[in-house]
Protein backbone atom coordinates (compact mmCIF):
# COMPACT_ATOMS: atom_id res chain seq x y z
CA MET A 1 103.67 73.53 126.66
CA LYS A 2 103.04 73.78 122.92
CA LYS A 3 99.29 73.86 123.46
CA ILE A 4 99.59 76.65 126.01
CA CYS A 5 101.76 78.75 123.67
CA LEU A 6 99.38 78.16 120.78
CA MET A 7 96.37 79.14 122.87
CA GLY A 8 98.19 82.26 124.04
CA LEU A 9 98.99 83.30 120.48
CA LEU A 10 95.42 82.68 119.36
CA LEU A 11 94.11 84.81 122.23
CA ILE A 12 96.50 87.62 121.36
CA PHE A 13 95.52 87.55 117.68
CA SER A 14 91.80 87.36 118.43
CA GLY A 15 92.09 90.40 120.67
CA PHE A 16 93.54 92.45 117.84
CA ALA A 17 91.31 91.18 115.05
CA GLN A 18 89.28 93.80 113.25
CA ALA A 19 87.19 93.42 110.16
CA GLY A 20 84.73 95.51 108.23
CA PHE A 21 83.39 96.87 104.99
CA GLY A 22 84.12 100.24 103.51
CA ALA A 23 83.01 102.55 100.71
CA ALA A 24 85.71 104.16 98.58
CA VAL A 25 86.28 106.88 95.98
CA GLY A 26 89.48 107.63 94.13
CA ILE A 27 91.24 108.09 90.82
CA TYR A 28 93.05 105.74 88.45
CA SER A 29 95.65 106.99 86.01
CA PRO A 30 97.00 104.63 83.35
CA ASN A 31 100.41 106.03 82.38
CA THR A 32 101.96 103.45 80.09
CA GLY A 33 100.38 100.87 77.86
CA ILE A 34 97.17 102.74 77.21
CA GLU A 35 98.48 106.30 77.26
CA ASP A 36 95.46 107.91 75.60
CA ASN A 37 93.04 106.69 78.27
CA ASP A 38 91.45 109.27 80.53
CA ASN A 39 92.17 109.41 84.22
CA GLY A 40 89.16 107.62 85.68
CA LEU A 41 87.09 108.22 88.79
CA LEU A 42 86.81 105.12 91.01
CA LEU A 43 83.75 104.17 93.03
CA GLY A 44 83.86 100.99 95.03
CA LEU A 45 83.61 98.81 98.09
CA ASN A 46 86.20 96.99 100.15
CA TYR A 47 86.44 94.43 102.90
CA GLU A 48 89.38 94.43 105.27
CA ALA A 49 90.40 92.06 108.04
CA LYS A 50 93.32 93.04 110.27
CA PHE A 51 95.14 90.75 112.69
CA ALA A 52 97.75 92.61 114.75
CA LEU A 53 100.51 93.44 112.24
CA PHE A 54 98.95 91.83 109.16
CA GLY A 55 95.80 92.32 107.17
CA LEU A 56 93.92 91.19 104.09
CA LYS A 57 91.91 93.54 101.91
CA LEU A 58 89.51 92.75 99.05
CA GLU A 59 88.37 95.61 96.81
CA GLY A 60 86.06 96.13 93.89
CA PHE A 61 85.92 99.37 91.91
CA TYR A 62 83.82 100.64 89.04
CA LEU A 63 85.58 103.14 86.82
CA ASP A 64 85.24 104.75 83.44
CA SER A 65 88.60 105.17 81.75
CA SER A 66 88.36 105.18 77.98
CA GLY A 67 90.82 106.02 75.25
CA ARG A 68 90.59 106.48 71.51
CA TYR A 69 93.44 105.00 69.50
CA ALA A 70 94.18 105.78 65.85
CA SER A 71 95.76 103.35 63.42
CA LYS A 72 99.44 103.93 62.65
CA LEU A 73 98.44 103.91 58.97
CA GLY A 74 96.28 107.00 59.52
CA GLU A 75 92.84 107.96 60.77
CA GLU A 76 91.17 106.88 57.54
CA PHE A 77 92.04 103.27 58.40
CA GLY A 78 89.98 103.43 61.54
CA GLU A 79 90.06 104.29 65.21
CA ALA A 80 89.21 102.17 68.21
CA ASN A 81 88.16 102.66 71.81
CA ILE A 82 89.67 100.63 74.63
CA ASP A 83 87.91 101.02 77.98
CA ILE A 84 88.77 99.97 81.51
CA GLU A 85 85.49 99.34 83.30
CA ALA A 86 86.29 97.67 86.64
CA ILE A 87 89.13 96.72 88.95
CA LEU A 88 89.08 93.87 91.47
CA ALA A 89 91.99 93.57 93.89
CA ALA A 90 93.20 91.37 96.74
CA ASP A 91 96.00 92.76 98.93
CA PHE A 92 98.12 91.47 101.77
CA MET A 93 98.82 94.31 104.21
CA PHE A 94 101.66 94.74 106.68
CA TYR A 95 101.43 97.30 109.51
CA PRO A 96 105.08 97.82 110.60
CA LEU A 97 104.05 99.99 113.56
CA GLY A 98 100.98 97.95 114.42
CA THR A 99 98.63 100.83 113.62
CA THR A 100 98.16 103.68 111.18
CA PHE A 101 100.68 103.12 108.34
CA PHE A 102 100.68 100.03 106.14
CA LEU A 103 102.50 98.52 103.18
CA GLN A 104 100.51 96.41 100.75
CA GLY A 105 101.05 94.05 97.86
CA GLY A 106 98.76 91.80 95.92
CA VAL A 107 97.01 90.98 92.68
CA ASN A 108 94.40 92.79 90.63
CA TYR A 109 92.06 92.03 87.76
CA ILE A 110 91.34 94.83 85.31
CA SER A 111 88.19 94.41 83.22
CA MET A 112 88.89 95.83 79.75
CA ASN A 113 86.49 96.34 76.88
CA ALA A 114 87.69 96.57 73.29
CA LYS A 115 84.41 95.79 71.54
CA GLU A 116 85.15 98.03 68.54
CA LEU A 117 88.04 95.78 67.59
CA THR A 118 85.99 92.57 67.39
CA ASP A 119 86.34 92.31 63.61
CA LEU A 120 89.96 91.24 64.01
CA ASP A 121 90.90 87.58 63.67
CA TYR A 122 92.57 87.51 67.08
CA ASP A 123 91.72 88.65 70.59
CA VAL A 124 92.62 92.21 71.56
CA VAL A 125 92.91 91.69 75.30
CA LYS A 126 95.38 88.98 76.26
CA ASN A 127 95.75 89.27 80.04
CA GLU A 128 93.80 91.21 82.66
CA LEU A 129 95.53 89.84 85.75
CA GLY A 130 98.27 92.00 87.26
CA ILE A 131 100.27 92.72 90.39
CA GLU A 132 100.30 95.78 92.59
CA GLY A 133 102.14 97.38 95.46
CA GLY A 134 101.61 100.46 97.54
CA LEU A 135 101.25 102.07 100.89
CA GLY A 136 98.64 103.85 102.91
CA VAL A 137 97.46 105.22 106.20
CA LYS A 138 94.46 104.33 108.32
CA ILE A 139 93.27 106.98 110.75
CA PHE A 140 91.22 105.96 113.81
CA ASP A 141 90.47 102.63 112.07
CA LYS A 142 87.84 104.42 109.99
CA LEU A 143 89.42 106.63 107.30
CA MET A 144 91.81 104.84 104.95
CA VAL A 145 93.93 106.62 102.32
CA GLN A 146 95.99 104.45 99.98
CA GLY A 147 98.13 104.70 96.88
CA LYS A 148 99.08 101.83 94.58
CA ILE A 149 101.15 101.13 91.52
CA MET A 150 99.35 98.57 89.34
CA TYR A 151 101.16 96.58 86.64
CA THR A 152 99.49 94.22 84.17
CA PRO A 153 101.94 92.37 81.88
CA ASP A 154 100.89 91.32 78.38
CA ALA A 155 97.47 92.97 78.70
CA ILE A 156 97.13 93.77 74.99
CA GLU A 157 97.97 91.42 72.12
CA SER A 158 101.24 92.40 70.45
CA GLU A 159 99.62 92.56 66.98
CA VAL A 160 97.10 95.15 68.21
CA ALA A 161 99.78 97.13 70.07
CA ASP A 162 101.86 97.28 66.89
CA THR A 163 98.92 98.52 64.83
CA LEU A 164 97.64 101.37 67.03
CA ASP A 165 99.41 104.55 68.21
CA ASN A 166 100.24 105.08 71.92
CA LEU A 167 99.37 101.49 72.79
CA ASP A 168 101.72 99.04 74.45
CA GLU A 169 101.35 95.41 75.52
CA ASP A 170 101.88 96.11 79.23
CA ILE A 171 99.75 98.44 81.36
CA LEU A 172 101.19 100.45 84.24
CA GLY A 173 98.92 102.73 86.22
CA TYR A 174 98.55 104.53 89.50
CA MET A 175 95.58 104.47 91.84
CA VAL A 176 94.80 106.65 94.85
CA SER A 177 91.67 106.09 96.92
CA VAL A 178 90.02 107.25 100.13
CA SER A 179 87.60 104.97 101.95
CA TRP A 180 85.46 105.05 105.05
CA GLN A 181 85.31 101.79 106.97
CA PHE A 182 82.01 100.88 108.62
């Protein structure tokens, strides 16, 4: 009986399985942590696999979000750029209605560049791995619109955050993207 039930479940899930690649555009807005960074335009690719009520999505985005930070001692003591160059994300998706709307949660990796601050005795970037949560809608299994809140704890070393204006250790940002699934 167990084998029959298992085979039945596997047949049901295989009938609803969908997978595919997509191309995406969007915006990323860092609101806390790196407040002087520009809102960045995202360009990227994703891969999504959906099984009935659940799905898994992998995304990679290129973006250009840079900010110029002045020293708290004054501009004559130097300024520095901190850039966010790429975002990689893996999300678990839940479709409460089976189609269209979804909730998502997962992890992300933000690639940061602080090359102007390399003359310091310690690293500028401490952690680039964060968590995220959001929701979205998928129309006709082709057009996907999503919004996420992305949080990266301890992204910047505390010594650097204390030295520069409008810089915090943690990064909180918002991302909205639109993608077309092939």
